Amino acid sequence: MWRDIGLGDWLFDFDNEGDVRRLPSAVLAMDTNPVESIANAAKARQYVHQRPREAWND
């Protein structure tokens, strides 16, 4: 679902060594670019709120 709402870069499978290794850099990127991170989260939130309305009207 994280990929579906546009947050695939923030999806981590802790059973996957590659995902575990990229976690620190992803967290640092969120901290370094808070405006972008907040915008990404807001966009995903908007999608999550809008999608049921669209499905209901289909």
N, C-alpha and C. Protein backbone atom coordinates (compact mmCIF):
# COMPACT_ATOMS: atom_id res chain seq x y z
N MET A 1 0.81 -1.20 0.00
CA MET A 1 0.00 0.00 0.00
C MET A 1 0.86 1.27 0.00
N TRP A 2 2.02 1.24 0.68
CA TRP A 2 2.87 2.42 0.69
C TRP A 2 3.23 2.83 -0.73
N ARG A 3 3.50 1.86 -1.58
CA ARG A 3 3.82 2.18 -2.98
C ARG A 3 2.60 2.79 -3.67
N ASP A 4 1.44 2.24 -3.40
CA ASP A 4 0.21 2.72 -4.03
C ASP A 4 -0.07 4.19 -3.73
N ILE A 5 0.29 4.62 -2.54
CA ILE A 5 -0.01 6.01 -2.16
C ILE A 5 1.17 6.95 -2.40
N GLY A 6 2.24 6.42 -3.02
CA GLY A 6 3.36 7.26 -3.39
C GLY A 6 4.48 7.35 -2.37
N LEU A 7 4.47 6.45 -1.40
CA LEU A 7 5.51 6.49 -0.38
C LEU A 7 6.39 5.25 -0.40
N GLY A 8 6.60 4.70 -1.57
CA GLY A 8 7.42 3.51 -1.70
C GLY A 8 8.85 3.68 -1.20
N ASP A 9 9.37 4.90 -1.27
CA ASP A 9 10.72 5.15 -0.77
C ASP A 9 10.79 5.03 0.75
N TRP A 10 9.65 5.08 1.40
CA TRP A 10 9.60 4.98 2.85
C TRP A 10 9.12 3.60 3.31
N LEU A 11 9.09 2.66 2.41
CA LEU A 11 8.69 1.29 2.73
C LEU A 11 9.94 0.47 3.01
N PHE A 12 9.98 -0.18 4.15
CA PHE A 12 11.15 -0.96 4.54
C PHE A 12 10.72 -2.33 5.01
N ASP A 13 11.36 -3.34 4.45
CA ASP A 13 11.16 -4.72 4.86
C ASP A 13 12.39 -5.09 5.68
N PHE A 14 12.24 -5.20 6.97
CA PHE A 14 13.39 -5.43 7.84
C PHE A 14 13.92 -6.85 7.76
N ASP A 15 13.28 -7.69 6.99
CA ASP A 15 13.82 -9.01 6.69
C ASP A 15 14.70 -8.96 5.44
N ASN A 16 14.75 -7.81 4.79
CA ASN A 16 15.54 -7.62 3.58
C ASN A 16 16.75 -6.75 3.93
N GLU A 17 17.94 -7.33 3.80
CA GLU A 17 19.17 -6.63 4.18
C GLU A 17 19.35 -5.31 3.42
N GLY A 18 18.96 -5.28 2.15
CA GLY A 18 19.07 -4.05 1.37
C GLY A 18 18.21 -2.93 1.94
N ASP A 19 17.00 -3.27 2.36
CA ASP A 19 16.12 -2.28 2.97
C ASP A 19 16.68 -1.79 4.30
N VAL A 20 17.22 -2.71 5.08
CA VAL A 20 17.80 -2.33 6.37
C VAL A 20 18.96 -1.35 6.16
N ARG A 21 19.78 -1.59 5.14
CA ARG A 21 20.92 -0.71 4.87
C ARG A 21 20.50 0.66 4.39
N ARG A 22 19.37 0.78 3.70
CA ARG A 22 18.98 2.10 3.18
C ARG A 22 18.15 2.91 4.17
N LEU A 23 17.77 2.32 5.29
CA LEU A 23 16.97 3.03 6.29
C LEU A 23 17.66 4.30 6.82
N PRO A 24 18.92 4.23 7.27
CA PRO A 24 19.53 5.46 7.80
C PRO A 24 19.56 6.60 6.79
N SER A 25 19.90 6.32 5.55
CA SER A 25 19.95 7.40 4.56
C SER A 25 18.55 7.95 4.27
N ALA A 26 17.55 7.11 4.31
CA ALA A 26 16.17 7.58 4.09
C ALA A 26 15.73 8.50 5.23
N VAL A 27 16.05 8.11 6.45
CA VAL A 27 15.68 8.94 7.61
C VAL A 27 16.44 10.27 7.57
N LEU A 28 17.72 10.23 7.23
CA LEU A 28 18.49 11.47 7.12
C LEU A 28 17.93 12.36 6.02
N ALA A 29 17.50 11.78 4.92
CA ALA A 29 16.91 12.57 3.83
C ALA A 29 15.63 13.25 4.30
N MET A 30 14.83 12.54 5.08
CA MET A 30 13.60 13.14 5.63
C MET A 30 13.94 14.32 6.53
N ASP A 31 14.98 14.14 7.35
CA ASP A 31 15.38 15.20 8.27
C ASP A 31 16.04 16.38 7.55
N THR A 32 16.82 16.07 6.53
CA THR A 32 17.52 17.11 5.77
C THR A 32 16.57 17.92 4.90
N ASN A 33 15.52 17.28 4.41
CA ASN A 33 14.56 17.93 3.52
C ASN A 33 13.15 17.86 4.11
N PRO A 34 12.93 18.51 5.26
CA PRO A 34 11.63 18.37 5.91
C PRO A 34 10.47 18.93 5.08
N VAL A 35 10.71 19.97 4.33
CA VAL A 35 9.62 20.54 3.52
C VAL A 35 9.18 19.52 2.47
N GLU A 36 10.14 18.89 1.82
CA GLU A 36 9.83 17.88 0.81
C GLU A 36 9.16 16.66 1.46
N SER A 37 9.65 16.26 2.61
CA SER A 37 9.08 15.10 3.30
C SER A 37 7.63 15.37 3.71
N ILE A 38 7.38 16.55 4.22
CA ILE A 38 6.02 16.91 4.63
C ILE A 38 5.11 16.98 3.40
N ALA A 39 5.63 17.52 2.31
CA ALA A 39 4.84 17.60 1.08
C ALA A 39 4.51 16.21 0.55
N ASN A 40 5.49 15.29 0.60
CA ASN A 40 5.23 13.92 0.16
C ASN A 40 4.16 13.25 1.02
N ALA A 41 4.26 13.44 2.32
CA ALA A 41 3.27 12.85 3.23
C ALA A 41 1.89 13.48 3.00
N ALA A 42 1.85 14.78 2.77
CA ALA A 42 0.57 15.45 2.52
C ALA A 42 -0.06 14.97 1.22
N LYS A 43 0.75 14.77 0.20
CA LYS A 43 0.24 14.26 -1.08
C LYS A 43 -0.34 12.86 -0.90
N ALA A 44 0.37 12.02 -0.16
CA ALA A 44 -0.12 10.67 0.10
C ALA A 44 -1.42 10.71 0.90
N ARG A 45 -1.47 11.57 1.88
CA ARG A 45 -2.69 11.71 2.70
C ARG A 45 -3.86 12.16 1.84
N GLN A 46 -3.62 13.10 0.97
CA GLN A 46 -4.68 13.57 0.07
C GLN A 46 -5.18 12.42 -0.80
N TYR A 47 -4.26 11.63 -1.33
CA TYR A 47 -4.64 10.49 -2.16
C TYR A 47 -5.50 9.50 -1.35
N VAL A 48 -5.07 9.21 -0.13
CA VAL A 48 -5.79 8.26 0.72
C VAL A 48 -7.20 8.77 1.02
N HIS A 49 -7.35 10.05 1.23
CA HIS A 49 -8.68 10.61 1.52
C HIS A 49 -9.54 10.71 0.27
N GLN A 50 -8.93 10.98 -0.86
CA GLN A 50 -9.68 11.18 -2.10
C GLN A 50 -10.09 9.87 -2.75
N ARG A 51 -9.26 8.86 -2.69
CA ARG A 51 -9.51 7.61 -3.42
C ARG A 51 -10.85 6.96 -3.07
N PRO A 52 -11.24 6.85 -1.82
CA PRO A 52 -12.55 6.25 -1.52
C PRO A 52 -13.71 7.06 -2.12
N ARG A 53 -13.57 8.37 -2.13
CA ARG A 53 -14.63 9.20 -2.70
C ARG A 53 -14.77 8.92 -4.20
N GLU A 54 -13.62 8.78 -4.88
CA GLU A 54 -13.65 8.49 -6.31
C GLU A 54 -14.25 7.10 -6.56
N ALA A 55 -13.86 6.15 -5.75
CA ALA A 55 -14.38 4.78 -5.92
C ALA A 55 -15.88 4.73 -5.66
N TRP A 56 -16.34 5.49 -4.69
CA TRP A 56 -17.75 5.53 -4.35
C TRP A 56 -18.58 6.10 -5.50
N ASN A 57 -18.01 7.07 -6.21
CA ASN A 57 -18.73 7.73 -7.31
C ASN A 57 -18.61 7.00 -8.64
N ASP A 58 -17.75 5.98 -8.72
CA ASP A 58 -17.59 5.25 -9.99
C ASP A 58 -18.80 4.45 -10.33
